[in-house]
N, C-alpha and C. Protein backbone atom coordinates (compact mmCIF):
# COMPACT_ATOMS: atom_id res chain seq x y z
N MET A 1 108.52 -18.64 -16.99
CA MET A 1 109.67 -19.65 -16.51
C MET A 1 110.96 -18.63 -16.33
N ASN A 2 111.68 -18.81 -15.21
CA ASN A 2 112.64 -17.98 -15.06
C ASN A 2 114.02 -18.61 -15.47
N PRO A 3 115.06 -18.06 -15.78
CA PRO A 3 116.29 -18.85 -16.47
C PRO A 3 116.79 -19.68 -15.68
N LYS A 4 116.59 -19.75 -14.27
CA LYS A 4 117.20 -20.74 -13.33
C LYS A 4 116.72 -22.10 -13.61
N THR A 5 115.35 -22.26 -13.79
CA THR A 5 114.53 -23.50 -14.01
C THR A 5 114.43 -24.13 -15.46
N SER A 6 114.78 -22.94 -16.30
CA SER A 6 114.75 -23.40 -17.78
C SER A 6 116.28 -24.08 -18.25
N SER A 7 115.95 -25.04 -19.16
CA SER A 7 117.13 -25.83 -19.53
C SER A 7 116.87 -26.23 -20.97
N PRO A 8 118.00 -26.38 -21.63
CA PRO A 8 118.11 -26.67 -23.07
C PRO A 8 117.30 -27.89 -23.32
N LEU A 9 117.25 -28.92 -22.27
CA LEU A 9 116.60 -30.10 -22.54
C LEU A 9 115.04 -29.75 -22.56
N ILE A 10 114.37 -28.88 -21.99
CA ILE A 10 113.19 -28.52 -22.02
C ILE A 10 112.76 -28.16 -23.56
N ALA A 11 113.44 -27.17 -23.99
CA ALA A 11 113.47 -26.70 -25.23
C ALA A 11 113.45 -27.49 -26.45
N ILE A 12 114.30 -28.52 -26.11
CA ILE A 12 114.54 -29.77 -27.04
C ILE A 12 113.17 -30.47 -27.06
N LEU A 13 112.77 -30.72 -25.97
CA LEU A 13 111.41 -31.78 -25.62
C LEU A 13 110.33 -31.03 -26.44
N LEU A 14 110.05 -29.83 -26.01
CA LEU A 14 108.93 -29.04 -26.74
C LEU A 14 109.22 -28.96 -28.31
N THR A 15 110.17 -28.83 -28.73
CA THR A 15 110.38 -28.74 -30.32
C THR A 15 110.33 -30.14 -30.69
N LEU A 16 110.96 -31.20 -30.26
CA LEU A 16 110.60 -32.48 -30.69
C LEU A 16 109.09 -32.89 -30.72
N GLY A 17 108.53 -32.66 -29.55
CA GLY A 17 106.93 -32.94 -29.43
C GLY A 17 106.26 -32.14 -30.54
N GLY A 18 106.51 -30.80 -30.69
CA GLY A 18 106.00 -30.08 -31.68
C GLY A 18 106.17 -30.72 -33.06
N ALA A 19 107.46 -31.10 -33.25
CA ALA A 19 107.70 -31.44 -34.68
C ALA A 19 106.88 -32.69 -34.94
N LEU A 20 106.92 -33.68 -34.04
CA LEU A 20 105.97 -34.93 -34.08
C LEU A 20 104.43 -34.49 -34.53
N PHE A 21 103.79 -33.60 -33.78
CA PHE A 21 102.54 -33.22 -33.98
C PHE A 21 102.40 -32.45 -35.66
N GLY A 22 103.45 -31.78 -35.74
CA GLY A 22 103.67 -31.09 -37.15
C GLY A 22 103.66 -32.13 -38.29
N VAL A 23 104.24 -33.08 -38.11
CA VAL A 23 104.44 -34.24 -39.33
C VAL A 23 103.05 -34.83 -39.40
N LEU A 24 102.36 -35.16 -38.17
CA LEU A 24 101.16 -35.86 -38.16
C LEU A 24 100.10 -34.84 -38.79
N GLY A 25 100.26 -33.58 -38.43
CA GLY A 25 99.08 -32.67 -39.03
C GLY A 25 99.57 -32.39 -40.59
N ALA A 26 100.59 -32.26 -40.89
CA ALA A 26 100.98 -32.17 -42.50
C ALA A 26 100.48 -33.32 -43.14
N LEU A 27 101.07 -34.59 -42.61
CA LEU A 27 100.44 -35.59 -43.38
C LEU A 27 98.83 -35.82 -43.40
N HIS A 28 98.24 -35.47 -42.46
CA HIS A 28 96.76 -35.39 -42.41
C HIS A 28 96.11 -34.56 -43.58
N ALA A 29 96.92 -33.34 -43.58
CA ALA A 29 96.48 -32.41 -44.72
C ALA A 29 96.79 -32.86 -46.15
N ILE A 30 97.85 -33.54 -46.31
CA ILE A 30 98.51 -34.14 -47.47
C ILE A 30 97.48 -35.09 -48.11
N TYR A 31 97.30 -35.93 -47.11
CA TYR A 31 96.19 -37.04 -47.39
C TYR A 31 94.92 -36.83 -47.80
N THR A 32 94.49 -35.73 -47.00
CA THR A 32 93.19 -35.14 -47.33
C THR A 32 93.09 -34.38 -48.72
N LEU A 33 94.06 -33.66 -48.91
CA LEU A 33 94.17 -33.07 -50.15
C LEU A 33 94.21 -34.04 -51.49
N LEU A 34 95.22 -35.24 -51.15
CA LEU A 34 95.21 -36.29 -52.22
C LEU A 34 93.87 -37.01 -52.34
N ASP A 35 93.19 -37.19 -51.41
CA ASP A 35 91.80 -37.68 -51.47
C ASP A 35 90.88 -37.04 -52.18
N LEU A 36 90.97 -35.63 -52.40
CA LEU A 36 90.04 -34.94 -53.29
C LEU A 36 90.18 -35.43 -54.67
N ARG A 37 91.26 -36.00 -55.24
CA ARG A 37 91.31 -36.41 -56.65
C ARG A 37 91.06 -38.03 -56.73
N ASN A 38 91.72 -38.67 -55.61
CA ASN A 38 91.71 -40.05 -55.80
C ASN A 38 91.54 -40.38 -54.24
N PRO A 39 90.21 -40.74 -53.80
CA PRO A 39 89.78 -41.00 -52.60
C PRO A 39 90.42 -42.34 -52.20
N ARG A 40 91.37 -42.59 -51.34
CA ARG A 40 92.00 -43.88 -51.02
C ARG A 40 92.57 -44.04 -49.58
N ARG A 41 92.79 -42.76 -48.93
CA ARG A 41 93.59 -42.63 -47.58
C ARG A 41 92.62 -42.62 -46.39
N LEU A 42 92.02 -41.28 -46.24
CA LEU A 42 91.08 -41.06 -45.16
C LEU A 42 89.65 -41.07 -45.47
N VAL A 43 89.54 -42.34 -46.07
CA VAL A 43 87.95 -42.43 -46.71
C VAL A 43 87.47 -43.93 -46.07
N PRO A 44 86.17 -44.10 -46.04
CA PRO A 44 85.58 -45.45 -45.76
C PRO A 44 86.19 -46.38 -46.62
N ALA A 45 86.31 -47.66 -46.11
CA ALA A 45 86.98 -48.66 -47.04
C ALA A 45 85.80 -49.28 -48.05
N ASP A 46 84.74 -49.00 -47.37
CA ASP A 46 83.29 -49.59 -48.36
C ASP A 46 82.98 -48.22 -49.34
N PRO A 47 83.31 -48.15 -50.58
CA PRO A 47 83.07 -47.09 -51.53
C PRO A 47 81.75 -46.61 -51.58
N SER A 48 80.72 -47.78 -50.94
CA SER A 48 79.21 -47.24 -50.93
C SER A 48 78.97 -46.43 -49.84
N VAL A 49 79.87 -46.41 -48.80
CA VAL A 49 79.63 -45.66 -47.58
C VAL A 49 80.01 -43.98 -48.03
N ALA A 50 81.00 -43.91 -48.75
CA ALA A 50 81.53 -42.57 -49.46
C ALA A 50 80.36 -41.97 -50.29
N HIS A 51 79.81 -43.10 -51.01
CA HIS A 51 78.76 -42.62 -52.00
C HIS A 51 77.50 -42.05 -51.16
N ALA A 52 77.16 -42.88 -50.13
CA ALA A 52 76.13 -42.47 -49.24
C ALA A 52 76.41 -41.14 -48.68
N MET A 53 77.62 -40.91 -48.15
CA MET A 53 77.92 -39.65 -47.60
C MET A 53 77.81 -38.38 -48.61
N ALA A 54 78.10 -38.68 -49.89
CA ALA A 54 78.19 -37.56 -50.92
C ALA A 54 76.63 -37.52 -51.14
N ASN A 55 75.76 -38.36 -50.96
CA ASN A 55 74.25 -38.19 -51.25
C ASN A 55 73.39 -37.94 -49.99
N SER A 56 74.04 -37.68 -49.06
CA SER A 56 73.42 -37.32 -47.75
C SER A 56 73.77 -35.91 -47.32
N ALA A 57 72.73 -35.01 -47.20
CA ALA A 57 72.67 -33.68 -46.62
C ALA A 57 73.05 -33.53 -45.20
N VAL A 58 73.78 -32.64 -44.75
CA VAL A 58 73.98 -32.36 -43.30
C VAL A 58 72.69 -31.65 -42.88
N ARG A 59 71.99 -32.20 -41.89
CA ARG A 59 70.74 -31.43 -41.32
C ARG A 59 71.02 -30.06 -40.90
N LEU A 60 71.75 -29.79 -40.26
CA LEU A 60 72.13 -28.60 -39.67
C LEU A 60 72.44 -27.43 -40.79
N SER A 61 72.73 -27.91 -42.10
CA SER A 61 72.95 -27.14 -43.23
C SER A 61 72.01 -26.64 -44.01
N GLY A 62 70.81 -27.30 -43.63
CA GLY A 62 69.68 -27.09 -44.38
C GLY A 62 69.82 -27.66 -45.93
N GLY A 63 70.58 -28.52 -46.14
CA GLY A 63 70.81 -29.04 -47.37
C GLY A 63 71.87 -28.20 -48.22
N ALA A 64 72.50 -27.26 -47.58
CA ALA A 64 73.56 -26.62 -48.35
C ALA A 64 74.96 -27.50 -48.58
N THR A 65 75.02 -28.43 -47.85
CA THR A 65 76.19 -29.24 -47.95
C THR A 65 75.98 -30.76 -47.61
N ASP A 66 76.86 -31.63 -48.42
CA ASP A 66 76.45 -33.16 -47.81
C ASP A 66 77.66 -33.50 -47.05
N MET A 67 77.33 -34.67 -46.44
CA MET A 67 78.31 -35.32 -45.42
C MET A 67 79.65 -35.51 -46.09
N TRP A 68 79.81 -35.85 -47.28
CA TRP A 68 81.26 -36.05 -47.88
C TRP A 68 82.00 -34.68 -47.89
N ARG A 69 81.48 -33.57 -48.17
CA ARG A 69 82.00 -32.33 -48.16
C ARG A 69 82.32 -31.69 -46.93
N ALA A 70 81.30 -32.03 -46.07
CA ALA A 70 81.79 -31.82 -44.55
C ALA A 70 82.61 -32.61 -44.07
N TRP A 71 82.97 -33.89 -44.44
CA TRP A 71 84.16 -34.71 -44.03
C TRP A 71 85.33 -34.30 -44.46
N ILE A 72 85.43 -33.76 -45.82
CA ILE A 72 86.59 -33.10 -46.41
C ILE A 72 87.08 -31.82 -45.57
N GLY A 73 85.98 -30.90 -45.28
CA GLY A 73 86.17 -29.74 -44.49
C GLY A 73 86.65 -30.02 -43.13
N PHE A 74 86.14 -31.11 -42.45
CA PHE A 74 86.58 -31.44 -41.02
C PHE A 74 87.88 -31.77 -41.02
N ASN A 75 88.20 -32.66 -42.02
CA ASN A 75 89.64 -33.08 -42.18
C ASN A 75 90.71 -32.04 -42.41
N PHE A 76 90.47 -30.96 -43.24
CA PHE A 76 91.44 -29.94 -43.37
C PHE A 76 91.41 -28.89 -42.08
N SER A 77 90.15 -28.73 -41.40
CA SER A 77 90.32 -27.96 -40.32
C SER A 77 91.05 -28.66 -39.18
N HIS A 78 90.89 -30.03 -38.98
CA HIS A 78 91.42 -30.81 -38.14
C HIS A 78 93.05 -30.69 -38.37
N SER A 79 93.31 -30.82 -39.64
CA SER A 79 94.81 -30.58 -39.88
C SER A 79 95.48 -29.35 -39.48
N LEU A 80 94.67 -28.28 -39.85
CA LEU A 80 95.12 -27.03 -39.50
C LEU A 80 95.15 -26.75 -37.90
N GLY A 81 94.27 -27.31 -37.25
CA GLY A 81 94.30 -27.15 -35.67
C GLY A 81 95.61 -27.93 -35.14
N VAL A 82 96.00 -29.01 -35.51
CA VAL A 82 97.22 -29.76 -35.44
C VAL A 82 98.37 -29.05 -35.72
N LEU A 83 98.39 -28.40 -36.86
CA LEU A 83 99.63 -27.53 -37.53
C LEU A 83 99.75 -26.20 -36.46
N LEU A 84 98.62 -25.80 -36.10
CA LEU A 84 98.84 -24.56 -35.22
C LEU A 84 99.37 -25.16 -33.88
N PHE A 85 98.78 -26.07 -33.42
CA PHE A 85 99.22 -26.58 -32.06
C PHE A 85 100.78 -26.96 -32.17
N ALA A 86 101.27 -27.65 -33.19
CA ALA A 86 102.68 -27.99 -33.41
C ALA A 86 103.45 -26.63 -33.46
N ALA A 87 103.02 -25.54 -34.17
CA ALA A 87 103.68 -24.16 -34.21
C ALA A 87 103.90 -23.80 -32.85
N LEU A 88 102.83 -23.66 -32.03
CA LEU A 88 102.72 -23.27 -30.67
C LEU A 88 103.83 -23.94 -29.91
N ALA A 89 103.92 -25.26 -29.89
CA ALA A 89 104.96 -26.07 -29.34
C ALA A 89 106.27 -25.54 -29.67
N ILE A 90 106.50 -25.76 -30.69
CA ILE A 90 107.96 -25.37 -31.51
C ILE A 90 108.30 -23.92 -30.95
N TRP A 91 107.37 -22.81 -31.00
CA TRP A 91 107.52 -21.68 -30.49
C TRP A 91 107.68 -21.56 -29.09
N ALA A 92 107.27 -22.24 -28.43
CA ALA A 92 107.51 -22.48 -26.83
C ALA A 92 108.73 -22.95 -26.68
N GLY A 93 109.33 -23.97 -27.37
CA GLY A 93 110.63 -24.36 -27.16
C GLY A 93 111.61 -23.41 -27.59
N VAL A 94 111.33 -22.51 -28.64
CA VAL A 94 112.36 -21.60 -28.93
C VAL A 94 112.49 -20.51 -27.95
N ARG A 95 111.08 -20.07 -27.28
CA ARG A 95 111.32 -18.88 -26.53
C ARG A 95 111.02 -19.25 -24.95
N ILE A 96 111.27 -20.60 -24.62
CA ILE A 96 110.93 -21.02 -23.28
C ILE A 96 111.47 -19.99 -22.15
N ARG A 97 112.73 -19.60 -22.44
CA ARG A 97 113.27 -18.77 -21.23
C ARG A 97 112.29 -17.45 -20.99
N MET A 98 111.46 -17.30 -21.79
CA MET A 98 110.71 -16.10 -21.56
C MET A 98 109.17 -16.25 -21.34
N LEU A 99 108.85 -17.50 -21.11
CA LEU A 99 107.48 -17.94 -21.04
C LEU A 99 107.00 -18.43 -19.59
N PRO A 100 105.82 -18.28 -19.23
CA PRO A 100 105.65 -18.99 -17.85
C PRO A 100 105.41 -20.58 -18.16
N VAL A 101 105.77 -21.11 -17.17
CA VAL A 101 105.86 -22.67 -17.08
C VAL A 101 104.69 -23.22 -17.35
N GLY A 102 103.65 -22.52 -17.21
CA GLY A 102 102.07 -22.84 -17.42
C GLY A 102 101.91 -23.33 -18.91
N ILE A 103 102.57 -22.71 -19.80
CA ILE A 103 102.61 -23.13 -21.40
C ILE A 103 102.72 -24.67 -21.49
N VAL A 104 104.01 -25.16 -20.69
CA VAL A 104 104.33 -26.52 -20.89
C VAL A 104 103.23 -27.31 -20.29
N ALA A 105 102.54 -26.89 -19.30
CA ALA A 105 101.25 -27.71 -18.84
C ALA A 105 100.28 -27.70 -19.91
N VAL A 106 99.86 -26.49 -20.32
CA VAL A 106 98.72 -26.56 -21.33
C VAL A 106 99.03 -27.44 -22.51
N LEU A 107 100.29 -27.34 -23.06
CA LEU A 107 100.61 -28.28 -24.29
C LEU A 107 100.44 -29.82 -23.64
N THR A 108 100.93 -30.13 -22.46
CA THR A 108 100.73 -31.55 -22.11
C THR A 108 99.29 -31.82 -21.93
N LEU A 109 98.51 -30.96 -21.40
CA LEU A 109 97.12 -31.16 -21.22
C LEU A 109 96.34 -31.42 -22.56
N ILE A 110 96.61 -30.52 -23.80
CA ILE A 110 96.09 -30.74 -25.02
C ILE A 110 96.63 -32.01 -25.60
N GLY A 111 97.84 -32.27 -25.49
CA GLY A 111 98.39 -33.65 -26.02
C GLY A 111 97.63 -34.68 -25.44
N SER A 112 97.44 -34.71 -24.16
CA SER A 112 96.80 -35.91 -23.38
C SER A 112 95.44 -36.01 -23.80
N PHE A 113 94.65 -34.93 -24.21
CA PHE A 113 93.26 -34.94 -24.76
C PHE A 113 93.18 -35.45 -25.95
N ASP A 114 94.23 -35.22 -26.86
CA ASP A 114 94.30 -35.70 -28.36
C ASP A 114 94.62 -37.21 -28.19
N LEU A 115 95.45 -37.58 -27.33
CA LEU A 115 95.95 -38.90 -27.10
C LEU A 115 94.71 -39.82 -26.59
N ALA A 116 93.91 -39.40 -25.65
CA ALA A 116 92.67 -39.89 -25.40
C ALA A 116 91.75 -39.87 -26.53
N LEU A 117 91.60 -39.09 -27.44
CA LEU A 117 90.87 -39.14 -28.68
C LEU A 117 91.46 -40.33 -29.59
N ALA A 118 92.60 -40.20 -29.88
CA ALA A 118 93.31 -41.22 -30.62
C ALA A 118 93.13 -42.54 -30.26
N LEU A 119 93.34 -42.94 -29.03
CA LEU A 119 93.11 -44.17 -28.34
C LEU A 119 91.67 -44.74 -28.53
N ARG A 120 90.78 -43.79 -28.48
CA ARG A 120 89.40 -44.21 -28.42
C ARG A 120 88.67 -44.20 -29.96
N TYR A 121 89.05 -43.38 -30.75
CA TYR A 121 88.39 -43.18 -31.91
C TYR A 121 89.27 -43.42 -33.32
N TRP A 122 90.55 -43.36 -33.03
CA TRP A 122 91.32 -43.20 -34.35
C TRP A 122 92.12 -44.65 -34.45
N PHE A 123 93.40 -44.50 -34.98
CA PHE A 123 93.87 -45.99 -35.41
C PHE A 123 95.32 -45.80 -34.83
N ARG A 124 96.06 -46.75 -34.92
CA ARG A 124 97.43 -47.00 -34.27
C ARG A 124 98.51 -46.03 -34.58
N ALA A 125 98.72 -45.63 -35.77
CA ALA A 125 99.87 -44.70 -36.10
C ALA A 125 99.64 -43.33 -35.59
N PRO A 126 98.55 -42.57 -35.68
CA PRO A 126 98.50 -41.18 -35.05
C PRO A 126 98.62 -41.47 -33.41
N ALA A 127 97.92 -42.62 -33.09
CA ALA A 127 97.99 -42.77 -31.45
C ALA A 127 99.54 -42.97 -31.04
N ILE A 128 100.30 -43.55 -31.70
CA ILE A 128 101.77 -43.55 -31.46
C ILE A 128 102.41 -42.28 -31.46
N GLY A 129 102.36 -41.65 -32.42
CA GLY A 129 102.86 -40.33 -32.65
C GLY A 129 102.50 -39.32 -31.74
N ILE A 130 101.14 -39.32 -31.36
CA ILE A 130 100.63 -38.39 -30.39
C ILE A 130 101.16 -38.91 -28.99
N ALA A 131 101.32 -40.11 -28.63
CA ALA A 131 101.95 -40.71 -27.38
C ALA A 131 103.21 -40.04 -27.38
N ILE A 132 103.95 -40.18 -28.30
CA ILE A 132 105.61 -39.77 -28.14
C ILE A 132 105.43 -38.26 -27.86
N GLY A 133 104.90 -37.66 -28.77
CA GLY A 133 104.80 -36.13 -28.67
C GLY A 133 104.28 -35.58 -27.27
N THR A 134 103.25 -36.22 -26.89
CA THR A 134 102.69 -35.73 -25.66
C THR A 134 103.64 -36.18 -24.51
N SER A 135 104.44 -37.38 -24.57
CA SER A 135 105.29 -37.70 -23.63
C SER A 135 106.53 -36.72 -23.33
N CYS A 136 106.88 -36.38 -24.75
CA CYS A 136 108.10 -35.16 -24.66
C CYS A 136 107.36 -33.87 -23.88
N PHE A 137 106.22 -33.61 -24.20
CA PHE A 137 105.63 -32.31 -23.43
C PHE A 137 105.59 -32.52 -21.87
N ALA A 138 105.12 -34.04 -21.60
CA ALA A 138 105.03 -34.30 -20.08
C ALA A 138 106.43 -34.24 -19.53
N ALA A 139 107.55 -34.70 -20.27
CA ALA A 139 108.79 -34.76 -19.65
C ALA A 139 109.42 -33.21 -19.45
N ALA A 140 109.07 -32.41 -20.34
CA ALA A 140 109.38 -30.99 -20.30
C ALA A 140 108.84 -30.39 -19.02
N TRP A 141 107.52 -30.60 -18.93
CA TRP A 141 106.78 -30.20 -17.83
C TRP A 141 107.48 -30.69 -16.39
N VAL A 142 107.63 -31.96 -16.22
CA VAL A 142 108.23 -32.41 -15.23
C VAL A 142 109.71 -31.79 -14.90
N ARG A 143 110.43 -31.74 -15.96
CA ARG A 143 111.68 -31.00 -15.93
C ARG A 143 111.63 -29.59 -15.55
N SER A 144 110.70 -28.92 -15.92
CA SER A 144 110.33 -27.51 -15.65
C SER A 144 109.93 -27.16 -13.98
N LEU A 145 109.45 -28.30 -13.39
CA LEU A 145 109.11 -28.02 -12.04
C LEU A 145 110.33 -28.15 -11.30
N ARG A 146 111.38 -28.58 -11.61
CA ARG A 146 112.67 -28.74 -10.81
C ARG A 146 113.38 -27.35 -10.34
């Protein structure tokens, strides 16, 4: 992106979108961590399902792990991925004058993919946060094309 097309608004939008994803990723990690001791957030509403998960091996693992442990691991790795994505967006916002315009498009596309997943498989709160964050990226992208 050359300095002529860069604007403080683009940097603000990328940073704001990244911060929203960061909050979502941090909350996801915190809830997962808290669920290790007292499962009540990112867990099945029916306790028998969690019990069944803990007593069911993952076939791919050859019995080395159960579905409950895999669930916790997936939640932590998902949180880490969202936090890294947030860090990339914030970094891009800070360094926008030195980056190619394509980075804004990539952030928008990844955010759109996450939004599609959220709308299809998750629940309202993350979908709203992802929609707002992705809208910030999309607005920055449109602004960068001027």
